[in-house]
Amino acid sequence: MHQCLYVYVIDEKQLGKVAELFRALGTVSRLHILTVLAARPSSVGSVVEATGLSQPLVSQHLRVLRGINIVTVNRSGRDAVYSLADDHVAHVIDDAITHTTERVDAAFDGAPEEKEES
C-alpha cells in the first residue's frame, strides 16, 4: 500500500485546484511545452521550434498555463521569456513519465503475473 509522505487536510476548494492542474496537464501539447520549459526558460519562438506546434497554439497554451500559475513570463521590451513557476509541476510530470514507463503492477496491463518455477 502506498504511504503519502505528507498528510494534508484537503477541502473541496483545494481538490478543485488539483483537478484544474490535472486538466491543464491533460494534453500532449501542454506537456510538451512544459517539458521544454522545465529544461530552460524559453521564448514563444523557441517553444514553437522545440515542439513543432504553431505559434498561435503555443501562445494559447501558455496563456492557459499562466492563468493557473504553472508558468510565468518575464518581459523585457518586446521580448517575453516563459519559465515554470516552480519545480513542482516538473516533478509531477517526471513522476508520471516514470510511472508510465515502469511495470508498476502485473495487473496494470491486464497480463497475468508470471511466476518462476523452482
Protein backbone atom coordinates (compact mmCIF):
# COMPACT_ATOMS: atom_id res chain seq x y z
CA MET A 1 0.00 0.00 0.00
CA HIS A 2 1.24 3.48 -0.87
CA GLN A 3 2.03 5.79 2.00
CA CYS A 4 1.95 9.56 1.46
CA LEU A 5 4.96 11.46 2.70
CA TYR A 6 2.81 14.36 3.82
CA VAL A 7 -0.65 14.46 5.28
CA TYR A 8 -2.81 17.38 4.28
CA VAL A 9 -6.28 18.40 5.29
CA ILE A 10 -7.81 18.88 1.87
CA ASP A 11 -11.12 20.57 1.30
CA GLU A 12 -13.28 20.67 -1.83
CA LYS A 13 -11.82 24.01 -2.96
CA GLN A 14 -8.28 22.63 -2.82
CA LEU A 15 -9.32 19.47 -4.64
CA GLY A 16 -10.84 21.71 -7.31
CA LYS A 17 -7.46 23.38 -7.79
CA VAL A 18 -5.79 19.97 -8.07
CA ALA A 19 -8.34 18.91 -10.69
CA GLU A 20 -7.68 22.13 -12.60
CA LEU A 21 -3.95 21.35 -12.59
CA PHE A 22 -4.58 17.85 -13.95
CA ARG A 23 -6.89 19.25 -16.64
CA ALA A 24 -4.11 21.62 -17.69
CA LEU A 25 -1.66 18.72 -17.84
CA GLY A 26 -4.16 16.64 -19.79
CA THR A 27 -2.96 17.47 -23.30
CA VAL A 28 0.12 16.23 -25.10
CA SER A 29 0.81 19.74 -26.43
CA ARG A 30 0.87 21.33 -22.97
CA LEU A 31 3.00 18.54 -21.56
CA HIS A 32 5.44 19.02 -24.43
CA ILE A 33 5.58 22.77 -23.77
CA LEU A 34 6.15 22.17 -20.06
CA THR A 35 9.00 19.73 -20.70
CA VAL A 36 10.66 22.38 -22.87
CA LEU A 37 10.26 24.99 -20.12
CA ALA A 38 11.48 22.54 -17.48
CA ALA A 39 14.74 22.27 -19.42
CA ARG A 40 15.18 26.04 -19.76
CA PRO A 41 13.24 29.31 -19.84
CA SER A 42 12.22 29.99 -23.43
CA SER A 43 10.60 32.49 -25.74
CA VAL A 44 7.45 31.58 -27.66
CA GLY A 45 9.59 31.17 -30.78
CA SER A 46 11.92 28.74 -29.03
CA VAL A 47 8.95 26.71 -27.75
CA VAL A 48 7.48 26.65 -31.27
CA GLU A 49 10.80 25.43 -32.67
CA ALA A 50 11.24 22.77 -29.96
CA THR A 51 7.69 21.41 -30.14
CA GLY A 52 6.76 21.86 -33.80
CA LEU A 53 3.46 23.43 -32.72
CA SER A 54 2.15 26.59 -34.37
CA GLN A 55 2.86 29.95 -32.75
CA PRO A 56 -0.83 30.74 -32.11
CA LEU A 57 -1.32 27.33 -30.46
CA VAL A 58 1.77 27.73 -28.25
CA SER A 59 0.63 31.21 -27.24
CA GLN A 60 -2.85 29.90 -26.40
CA HIS A 61 -1.47 27.07 -24.27
CA LEU A 62 0.96 29.41 -22.49
CA ARG A 63 -1.96 31.74 -21.69
CA VAL A 64 -3.86 28.84 -20.08
CA LEU A 65 -0.77 27.71 -18.15
CA ARG A 66 -0.12 31.26 -16.93
CA GLY A 67 -3.76 31.56 -15.89
CA ILE A 68 -3.37 28.76 -13.36
CA ASN A 69 0.12 29.85 -12.27
CA ILE A 70 2.05 26.95 -13.78
CA VAL A 71 4.26 29.21 -15.90
CA THR A 72 5.46 32.78 -15.50
CA VAL A 73 6.62 35.32 -18.05
CA ASN A 74 9.37 37.89 -17.75
CA ARG A 75 9.19 40.73 -20.25
CA SER A 76 11.99 42.96 -21.39
CA GLY A 77 10.67 45.34 -24.02
CA ARG A 78 9.17 43.18 -26.76
CA ASP A 79 10.91 40.03 -25.54
CA ALA A 80 8.95 37.60 -23.37
CA VAL A 81 10.63 34.62 -21.73
CA TYR A 82 8.47 31.91 -20.21
CA SER A 83 9.53 29.59 -17.40
CA LEU A 84 7.98 27.20 -14.91
CA ALA A 85 6.61 28.99 -11.87
CA ASP A 86 8.34 26.39 -9.68
CA ASP A 87 9.72 22.87 -9.89
CA HIS A 88 6.62 21.13 -8.52
CA VAL A 89 5.00 20.68 -11.93
CA ALA A 90 8.24 19.30 -13.38
CA HIS A 91 8.28 16.73 -10.57
CA VAL A 92 4.67 15.76 -11.26
CA ILE A 93 5.47 15.26 -14.96
CA ASP A 94 8.68 13.36 -14.20
CA ASP A 95 6.79 11.08 -11.80
CA ALA A 96 4.06 10.48 -14.40
CA ILE A 97 6.66 9.61 -17.05
CA THR A 98 8.38 7.22 -14.65
CA HIS A 99 5.05 5.66 -13.75
CA THR A 100 4.11 5.06 -17.37
CA THR A 101 7.48 3.56 -18.29
CA GLU A 102 7.84 1.05 -15.48
CA ARG A 103 5.84 -2.03 -14.77
CA VAL A 104 4.08 -0.95 -11.60
CA ASP A 105 1.88 -3.99 -11.28
CA ALA A 106 1.40 -7.03 -13.47
CA ALA A 107 -2.34 -6.38 -13.44
CA PHE A 108 -1.79 -2.87 -14.83
CA ASP A 109 -1.72 -4.07 -18.41
CA GLY A 110 -4.08 -6.96 -17.86
CA ALA A 111 -1.37 -9.56 -18.31
CA PRO A 112 -1.24 -12.38 -15.80
CA GLU A 113 1.73 -12.23 -13.49
CA GLU A 114 4.46 -14.66 -14.48
CA LYS A 115 5.81 -16.83 -11.71
CA GLU A 116 9.17 -18.50 -11.76
CA GLU A 117 9.12 -22.23 -11.40
CA SER A 118 11.52 -23.85 -8.95
